[in-house]
Amino acid sequence: MKAHVYVTLKTTVLDAQGQTIANALRRLSMTGVTAVRQGKYFVLTLDPSLDKAAAEAQVDKIAREVLTNPVIEEYSFRIEE
């Protein structure tokens, strides 16, 4: 099993890197994009003996306690069997 964890800045936090990328796209005449938010992506390989509920609980704890700064970031994840 693999867990895919996506970490992004909260929408209330200024994303200077995302704004810089969006501005660069506009300068390159790529006008179909109205905003960019950058983030982090993690792939965790999980012990195959874990059932889905245990895997979700484990990944949620890892994402919440290790991979994110809860003051400025939020996360989501999906488990791939």
PDB file of N, CA and C in Angstrom:
ATOM      1  N   MET A   1       0.837  -1.180   0.000  1.00  0.00           N
ATOM      2  CA  MET A   1       0.000   0.000   0.000  1.00  0.00           C
ATOM      3  C   MET A   1       0.882   1.243   0.000  1.00  0.00           C
ATOM      4  N   LYS A   2       0.394   2.253  -0.636  1.00  0.00           N
ATOM      5  CA  LYS A   2       1.081   3.546  -0.639  1.00  0.00           C
ATOM      6  C   LYS A   2       0.092   4.621  -0.207  1.00  0.00           C
ATOM      7  N   ALA A   3       0.617   5.604   0.499  1.00  0.00           N
ATOM      8  CA  ALA A   3      -0.181   6.767   0.877  1.00  0.00           C
ATOM      9  C   ALA A   3       0.391   7.972   0.149  1.00  0.00           C
ATOM     10  N   HIS A   4      -0.471   8.736  -0.450  1.00  0.00           N
ATOM     11  CA  HIS A   4      -0.090   9.967  -1.139  1.00  0.00           C
ATOM     12  C   HIS A   4      -0.590  11.125  -0.269  1.00  0.00           C
ATOM     13  N   VAL A   5       0.343  11.929   0.237  1.00  0.00           N
ATOM     14  CA  VAL A   5       0.011  13.022   1.151  1.00  0.00           C
ATOM     15  C   VAL A   5       0.317  14.350   0.461  1.00  0.00           C
ATOM     16  N   TYR A   6      -0.664  15.231   0.461  1.00  0.00           N
ATOM     17  CA  TYR A   6      -0.545  16.551  -0.167  1.00  0.00           C
ATOM     18  C   TYR A   6      -0.619  17.609   0.934  1.00  0.00           C
ATOM     19  N   VAL A   7       0.395  18.459   1.003  1.00  0.00           N
ATOM     20  CA  VAL A   7       0.454  19.515   2.009  1.00  0.00           C
ATOM     21  C   VAL A   7       0.471  20.859   1.281  1.00  0.00           C
ATOM     22  N   THR A   8      -0.447  21.734   1.656  1.00  0.00           N
ATOM     23  CA  THR A   8      -0.506  23.066   1.045  1.00  0.00           C
ATOM     24  C   THR A   8      -0.656  24.119   2.135  1.00  0.00           C
ATOM     25  N   LEU A   9      -0.323  25.341   1.779  1.00  0.00           N
ATOM     26  CA  LEU A   9      -0.556  26.449   2.694  1.00  0.00           C
ATOM     27  C   LEU A   9      -2.060  26.655   2.838  1.00  0.00           C
ATOM     28  N   LYS A  10      -2.483  27.041   4.020  1.00  0.00           N
ATOM     29  CA  LYS A  10      -3.895  27.374   4.218  1.00  0.00           C
ATOM     30  C   LYS A  10      -4.246  28.534   3.300  1.00  0.00           C
ATOM     31  N   THR A  11      -5.497  28.598   2.893  1.00  0.00           N
ATOM     32  CA  THR A  11      -5.912  29.648   1.961  1.00  0.00           C
ATOM     33  C   THR A  11      -5.747  31.047   2.550  1.00  0.00           C
ATOM     34  N   THR A  12      -5.710  31.149   3.871  1.00  0.00           N
ATOM     35  CA  THR A  12      -5.539  32.459   4.517  1.00  0.00           C
ATOM     36  C   THR A  12      -4.083  32.901   4.578  1.00  0.00           C
ATOM     37  N   VAL A  13      -3.161  32.021   4.180  1.00  0.00           N
ATOM     38  CA  VAL A  13      -1.727  32.333   4.226  1.00  0.00           C
ATOM     39  C   VAL A  13      -1.264  32.773   2.838  1.00  0.00           C
ATOM     40  N   LEU A  14      -0.546  33.882   2.792  1.00  0.00           N
ATOM     41  CA  LEU A  14      -0.004  34.392   1.537  1.00  0.00           C
ATOM     42  C   LEU A  14       0.972  33.381   0.948  1.00  0.00           C
ATOM     43  N   ASP A  15       0.790  33.037  -0.317  1.00  0.00           N
ATOM     44  CA  ASP A  15       1.670  32.097  -1.007  1.00  0.00           C
ATOM     45  C   ASP A  15       2.507  32.879  -2.018  1.00  0.00           C
ATOM     46  N   ALA A  16       3.626  33.431  -1.541  1.00  0.00           N
ATOM     47  CA  ALA A  16       4.471  34.266  -2.401  1.00  0.00           C
ATOM     48  C   ALA A  16       5.025  33.471  -3.579  1.00  0.00           C
ATOM     49  N   GLN A  17       5.422  32.229  -3.357  1.00  0.00           N
ATOM     50  CA  GLN A  17       5.962  31.422  -4.456  1.00  0.00           C
ATOM     51  C   GLN A  17       4.876  31.143  -5.500  1.00  0.00           C
ATOM     52  N   GLY A  18       3.680  30.840  -5.048  1.00  0.00           N
ATOM     53  CA  GLY A  18       2.578  30.613  -5.983  1.00  0.00           C
ATOM     54  C   GLY A  18       2.277  31.865  -6.796  1.00  0.00           C
ATOM     55  N   GLN A  19       2.297  33.023  -6.148  1.00  0.00           N
ATOM     56  CA  GLN A  19       2.048  34.281  -6.860  1.00  0.00           C
ATOM     57  C   GLN A  19       3.138  34.552  -7.885  1.00  0.00           C
ATOM     58  N   THR A  20       4.378  34.261  -7.539  1.00  0.00           N
ATOM     59  CA  THR A  20       5.493  34.462  -8.476  1.00  0.00           C
ATOM     60  C   THR A  20       5.319  33.570  -9.706  1.00  0.00           C
ATOM     61  N   ILE A  21       4.934  32.329  -9.488  1.00  0.00           N
ATOM     62  CA  ILE A  21       4.710  31.410 -10.608  1.00  0.00           C
ATOM     63  C   ILE A  21       3.546  31.892 -11.468  1.00  0.00           C
ATOM     64  N   ALA A  22       2.462  32.320 -10.841  1.00  0.00           N
ATOM     65  CA  ALA A  22       1.312  32.826 -11.595  1.00  0.00           C
ATOM     66  C   ALA A  22       1.696  34.039 -12.434  1.00  0.00           C
ATOM     67  N   ASN A  23       2.487  34.947 -11.866  1.00  0.00           N
ATOM     68  CA  ASN A  23       2.939  36.130 -12.614  1.00  0.00           C
ATOM     69  C   ASN A  23       3.824  35.726 -13.794  1.00  0.00           C
ATOM     70  N   ALA A  24       4.706  34.750 -13.575  1.00  0.00           N
ATOM     71  CA  ALA A  24       5.572  34.281 -14.659  1.00  0.00           C
ATOM     72  C   ALA A  24       4.745  33.656 -15.781  1.00  0.00           C
ATOM     73  N   LEU A  25       3.718  32.915 -15.443  1.00  0.00           N
ATOM     74  CA  LEU A  25       2.855  32.312 -16.468  1.00  0.00           C
ATOM     75  C   LEU A  25       2.173  33.397 -17.307  1.00  0.00           C
ATOM     76  N   ARG A  26       1.706  34.438 -16.630  1.00  0.00           N
ATOM     77  CA  ARG A  26       1.064  35.551 -17.368  1.00  0.00           C
ATOM     78  C   ARG A  26       2.061  36.225 -18.312  1.00  0.00           C
ATOM     79  N   ARG A  27       3.290  36.419 -17.837  1.00  0.00           N
ATOM     80  CA  ARG A  27       4.312  37.050 -18.685  1.00  0.00           C
ATOM     81  C   ARG A  27       4.650  36.166 -19.890  1.00  0.00           C
ATOM     82  N   LEU A  28       4.468  34.869 -19.743  1.00  0.00           N
ATOM     83  CA  LEU A  28       4.719  33.935 -20.848  1.00  0.00           C
ATOM     84  C   LEU A  28       3.474  33.719 -21.708  1.00  0.00           C
ATOM     85  N   SER A  29       2.482  34.566 -21.517  1.00  0.00           N
ATOM     86  CA  SER A  29       1.220  34.526 -22.264  1.00  0.00           C
ATOM     87  C   SER A  29       0.426  33.245 -22.034  1.00  0.00           C
ATOM     88  N   MET A  30       0.601  32.631 -20.885  1.00  0.00           N
ATOM     89  CA  MET A  30      -0.199  31.461 -20.503  1.00  0.00           C
ATOM     90  C   MET A  30      -1.315  31.967 -19.605  1.00  0.00           C
ATOM     91  N   THR A  31      -2.368  32.465 -20.232  1.00  0.00           N
ATOM     92  CA  THR A  31      -3.401  33.210 -19.524  1.00  0.00           C
ATOM     93  C   THR A  31      -4.543  32.355 -18.984  1.00  0.00           C
ATOM     94  N   GLY A  32      -4.539  31.060 -19.216  1.00  0.00           N
ATOM     95  CA  GLY A  32      -5.628  30.212 -18.734  1.00  0.00           C
ATOM     96  C   GLY A  32      -5.578  29.922 -17.246  1.00  0.00           C
ATOM     97  N   VAL A  33      -4.473  30.252 -16.590  1.00  0.00           N
ATOM     98  CA  VAL A  33      -4.320  29.989 -15.159  1.00  0.00           C
ATOM     99  C   VAL A  33      -4.574  31.279 -14.395  1.00  0.00           C
ATOM    100  N   THR A  34      -5.506  31.245 -13.445  1.00  0.00           N
ATOM    101  CA  THR A  34      -5.832  32.460 -12.700  1.00  0.00           C
ATOM    102  C   THR A  34      -5.114  32.553 -11.362  1.00  0.00           C
ATOM    103  N   ALA A  35      -4.678  31.413 -10.799  1.00  0.00           N
ATOM    104  CA  ALA A  35      -3.963  31.425  -9.517  1.00  0.00           C
ATOM    105  C   ALA A  35      -3.148  30.147  -9.386  1.00  0.00           C
ATOM    106  N   VAL A  36      -2.094  30.227  -8.601  1.00  0.00           N
ATOM    107  CA  VAL A  36      -1.240  29.067  -8.325  1.00  0.00           C
ATOM    108  C   VAL A  36      -1.002  28.998  -6.824  1.00  0.00           C
ATOM    109  N   ARG A  37      -1.154  27.809  -6.249  1.00  0.00           N
ATOM    110  CA  ARG A  37      -0.796  27.544  -4.860  1.00  0.00           C
ATOM    111  C   ARG A  37       0.224  26.423  -4.880  1.00  0.00           C
ATOM    112  N   GLN A  38       1.356  26.616  -4.240  1.00  0.00           N
ATOM    113  CA  GLN A  38       2.385  25.585  -4.217  1.00  0.00           C
ATOM    114  C   GLN A  38       2.260  24.775  -2.934  1.00  0.00           C
ATOM    115  N   GLY A  39       2.888  23.605  -2.939  1.00  0.00           N
ATOM    116  CA  GLY A  39       2.825  22.757  -1.759  1.00  0.00           C
ATOM    117  C   GLY A  39       3.875  21.666  -1.807  1.00  0.00           C
ATOM    118  N   LYS A  40       3.664  20.649  -0.983  1.00  0.00           N
ATOM    119  CA  LYS A  40       4.582  19.519  -0.891  1.00  0.00           C
ATOM    120  C   LYS A  40       3.789  18.238  -1.143  1.00  0.00           C
ATOM    121  N   TYR A  41       4.471  17.227  -1.660  1.00  0.00           N
ATOM    122  CA  TYR A  41       3.851  15.945  -1.958  1.00  0.00           C
ATOM    123  C   TYR A  41       4.746  14.845  -1.405  1.00  0.00           C
ATOM    124  N   PHE A  42       4.159  13.922  -0.662  1.00  0.00           N
ATOM    125  CA  PHE A  42       4.901  12.810  -0.078  1.00  0.00           C
ATOM    126  C   PHE A  42       4.255  11.498  -0.491  1.00  0.00           C
ATOM    127  N   VAL A  43       5.070  10.489  -0.748  1.00  0.00           N
ATOM    128  CA  VAL A  43       4.575   9.135  -0.976  1.00  0.00           C
ATOM    129  C   VAL A  43       5.148   8.267   0.133  1.00  0.00           C
ATOM    130  N   LEU A  44       4.259   7.661   0.914  1.00  0.00           N
ATOM    131  CA  LEU A  44       4.675   6.784   2.004  1.00  0.00           C
ATOM    132  C   LEU A  44       4.349   5.340   1.617  1.00  0.00           C
ATOM    133  N   THR A  45       5.319   4.468   1.697  1.00  0.00           N
ATOM    134  CA  THR A  45       5.071   3.047   1.470  1.00  0.00           C
ATOM    135  C   THR A  45       4.722   2.429   2.812  1.00  0.00           C
ATOM    136  N   LEU A  46       3.552   1.819   2.878  1.00  0.00           N
ATOM    137  CA  LEU A  46       3.038   1.307   4.139  1.00  0.00           C
ATOM    138  C   LEU A  46       3.229  -0.197   4.261  1.00  0.00           C
ATOM    139  N   ASP A  47       3.306  -0.651   5.490  1.00  0.00           N
ATOM    140  CA  ASP A  47       3.408  -2.083   5.778  1.00  0.00           C
ATOM    141  C   ASP A  47       2.163  -2.775   5.225  1.00  0.00           C
ATOM    142  N   PRO A  48       2.341  -3.805   4.397  1.00  0.00           N
ATOM    143  CA  PRO A  48       1.186  -4.459   3.792  1.00  0.00           C
ATOM    144  C   PRO A  48       0.281  -5.167   4.791  1.00  0.00           C
ATOM    145  N   SER A  49       0.753  -5.375   6.016  1.00  0.00           N
ATOM    146  CA  SER A  49      -0.092  -6.045   7.012  1.00  0.00           C
ATOM    147  C   SER A  49      -1.144  -5.105   7.615  1.00  0.00           C
ATOM    148  N   LEU A  50      -1.023  -3.801   7.385  1.00  0.00           N
ATOM    149  CA  LEU A  50      -2.010  -2.849   7.908  1.00  0.00           C
ATOM    150  C   LEU A  50      -3.323  -2.969   7.141  1.00  0.00           C
ATOM    151  N   ASP A  51      -4.431  -2.945   7.873  1.00  0.00           N
ATOM    152  CA  ASP A  51      -5.715  -2.865   7.171  1.00  0.00           C
ATOM    153  C   ASP A  51      -5.964  -1.399   6.825  1.00  0.00           C
ATOM    154  N   LYS A  52      -6.971  -1.156   6.013  1.00  0.00           N
ATOM    155  CA  LYS A  52      -7.193   0.204   5.498  1.00  0.00           C
ATOM    156  C   LYS A  52      -7.439   1.214   6.623  1.00  0.00           C
ATOM    157  N   ALA A  53      -8.226   0.836   7.625  1.00  0.00           N
ATOM    158  CA  ALA A  53      -8.527   1.762   8.727  1.00  0.00           C
ATOM    159  C   ALA A  53      -7.261   2.097   9.513  1.00  0.00           C
ATOM    160  N   ALA A  54      -6.438   1.098   9.788  1.00  0.00           N
ATOM    161  CA  ALA A  54      -5.193   1.340  10.522  1.00  0.00           C
ATOM    162  C   ALA A  54      -4.239   2.188   9.693  1.00  0.00           C
ATOM    163  N   ALA A  55      -4.180   1.925   8.380  1.00  0.00           N
ATOM    164  CA  ALA A  55      -3.322   2.710   7.494  1.00  0.00           C
ATOM    165  C   ALA A  55      -3.760   4.170   7.481  1.00  0.00           C
ATOM    166  N   GLU A  56      -5.070   4.411   7.381  1.00  0.00           N
ATOM    167  CA  GLU A  56      -5.575   5.786   7.373  1.00  0.00           C
ATOM    168  C   GLU A  56      -5.255   6.497   8.674  1.00  0.00           C
ATOM    169  N   ALA A  57      -5.421   5.800   9.804  1.00  0.00           N
ATOM    170  CA  ALA A  57      -5.120   6.408  11.102  1.00  0.00           C
ATOM    171  C   ALA A  57      -3.633   6.743  11.206  1.00  0.00           C
ATOM    172  N   GLN A  58      -2.792   5.833  10.750  1.00  0.00           N
ATOM    173  CA  GLN A  58      -1.338   6.041  10.815  1.00  0.00           C
ATOM    174  C   GLN A  58      -0.921   7.226   9.943  1.00  0.00           C
ATOM    175  N   VAL A  59      -1.411   7.269   8.708  1.00  0.00           N
ATOM    176  CA  VAL A  59      -1.043   8.342   7.782  1.00  0.00           C
ATOM    177  C   VAL A  59      -1.569   9.683   8.288  1.00  0.00           C
ATOM    178  N   ASP A  60      -2.788   9.698   8.821  1.00  0.00           N
ATOM    179  CA  ASP A  60      -3.337  10.936   9.356  1.00  0.00           C
ATOM    180  C   ASP A  60      -2.454  11.474  10.482  1.00  0.00           C
ATOM    181  N   LYS A  61      -2.017  10.592  11.369  1.00  0.00           N
ATOM    182  CA  LYS A  61      -1.151  11.010  12.479  1.00  0.00           C
ATOM    183  C   LYS A  61       0.193  11.529  11.965  1.00  0.00           C
ATOM    184  N   ILE A  62       0.789  10.821  11.003  1.00  0.00           N
ATOM    185  CA  ILE A  62       2.073  11.252  10.433  1.00  0.00           C
ATOM    186  C   ILE A  62       1.935  12.617   9.765  1.00  0.00           C
ATOM    187  N   ALA A  63       0.888  12.773   8.974  1.00  0.00           N
ATOM    188  CA  ALA A  63       0.681  14.044   8.271  1.00  0.00           C
ATOM    189  C   ALA A  63       0.462  15.182   9.254  1.00  0.00           C
ATOM    190  N   ARG A  64      -0.352  14.942  10.269  1.00  0.00           N
ATOM    191  CA  ARG A  64      -0.692  15.979  11.241  1.00  0.00           C
ATOM    192  C   ARG A  64       0.490  16.345  12.131  1.00  0.00           C
ATOM    193  N   GLU A  65       1.256  15.335  12.585  1.00  0.00           N
ATOM    194  CA  GLU A  65       2.297  15.585  13.585  1.00  0.00           C
ATOM    195  C   GLU A  65       3.705  15.792  13.019  1.00  0.00           C
ATOM    196  N   VAL A  66       3.952  15.320  11.784  1.00  0.00           N
ATOM    197  CA  VAL A  66       5.321  15.373  11.259  1.00  0.00           C
ATOM    198  C   VAL A  66       5.429  16.179   9.965  1.00  0.00           C
ATOM    199  N   LEU A  67       4.524  15.965   9.044  1.00  0.00           N
ATOM    200  CA  LEU A  67       4.686  16.539   7.701  1.00  0.00           C
ATOM    201  C   LEU A  67       4.165  17.959   7.545  1.00  0.00           C
ATOM    202  N   THR A  68       3.340  18.420   8.469  1.00  0.00           N
ATOM    203  CA  THR A  68       2.762  19.763   8.312  1.00  0.00           C
ATOM    204  C   THR A  68       3.041  20.657   9.520  1.00  0.00           C
ATOM    205  N   ASN A  69       3.000  21.933   9.256  1.00  0.00           N
ATOM    206  CA  ASN A  69       2.985  22.937  10.314  1.00  0.00           C
ATOM    207  C   ASN A  69       1.520  23.350  10.426  1.00  0.00           C
ATOM    208  N   PRO A  70       0.804  22.908  11.460  1.00  0.00           N
ATOM    209  CA  PRO A  70      -0.647  23.140  11.531  1.00  0.00           C
ATOM    210  C   PRO A  70      -1.053  24.604  11.613  1.00  0.00           C
ATOM    211  N   VAL A  71      -0.124  25.478  11.914  1.00  0.00           N
ATOM    212  CA  VAL A  71      -0.450  26.900  11.994  1.00  0.00           C
ATOM    213  C   VAL A  71      -0.686  27.478  10.600  1.00  0.00           C
ATOM    214  N   ILE A  72       0.114  27.025   9.612  1.00  0.00           N
ATOM    215  CA  ILE A  72       0.022  27.623   8.280  1.00  0.00           C
ATOM    216  C   ILE A  72      -0.307  26.631   7.170  1.00  0.00           C
ATOM    217  N   GLU A  73      -0.312  25.332   7.472  1.00  0.00           N
ATOM    218  CA  GLU A  73      -0.520  24.339   6.414  1.00  0.00           C
ATOM    219  C   GLU A  73      -1.702  23.427   6.717  1.00  0.00           C
ATOM    220  N   GLU A  74      -2.245  22.860   5.644  1.00  0.00           N
ATOM    221  CA  GLU A  74      -3.285  21.846   5.757  1.00  0.00           C
ATOM    222  C   GLU A  74      -2.880  20.681   4.869  1.00  0.00           C
ATOM    223  N   TYR A  75      -3.521  19.547   5.047  1.00  0.00           N
ATOM    224  CA  TYR A  75      -3.130  18.370   4.281  1.00  0.00           C
ATOM    225  C   TYR A  75      -4.342  17.545   3.880  1.00  0.00           C
ATOM    226  N   SER A  76      -4.114  16.724   2.898  1.00  0.00           N
ATOM    227  CA  SER A  76      -5.073  15.698   2.511  1.00  0.00           C
ATOM    228  C   SER A  76      -4.252  14.484   2.081  1.00  0.00           C
ATOM    229  N   PHE A  77      -4.891  13.340   2.059  1.00  0.00           N
ATOM    230  CA  PHE A  77      -4.164  12.149   1.634  1.00  0.00           C
ATOM    231  C   PHE A  77      -5.123  11.138   1.039  1.00  0.00           C
ATOM    232  N   ARG A  78      -4.538  10.210   0.289  1.00  0.00           N
ATOM    233  CA  ARG A  78      -5.304   9.084  -0.224  1.00  0.00           C
ATOM    234  C   ARG A  78      -4.445   7.844  -0.100  1.00  0.00           C
ATOM    235  N   ILE A  79      -5.092   6.729   0.139  1.00  0.00           N
ATOM    236  CA  ILE A  79      -4.407   5.448   0.270  1.00  0.00           C
ATOM    237  C   ILE A  79      -4.630   4.669  -1.023  1.00  0.00           C
ATOM    238  N   GLU A  80      -3.546   4.144  -1.550  1.00  0.00           N
ATOM    239  CA  GLU A  80      -3.608   3.353  -2.781  1.00  0.00           C
ATOM    240  C   GLU A  80      -3.252   1.914  -2.415  1.00  0.00           C
ATOM    241  N   GLU A  81      -4.155   1.015  -2.694  1.00  0.00           N
ATOM    242  CA  GLU A  81      -3.888  -0.396  -2.348  1.00  0.00           C
ATOM    243  C   GLU A  81      -3.163  -1.119  -3.434  1.00  0.00           C
TER     244      GLU A  81
END
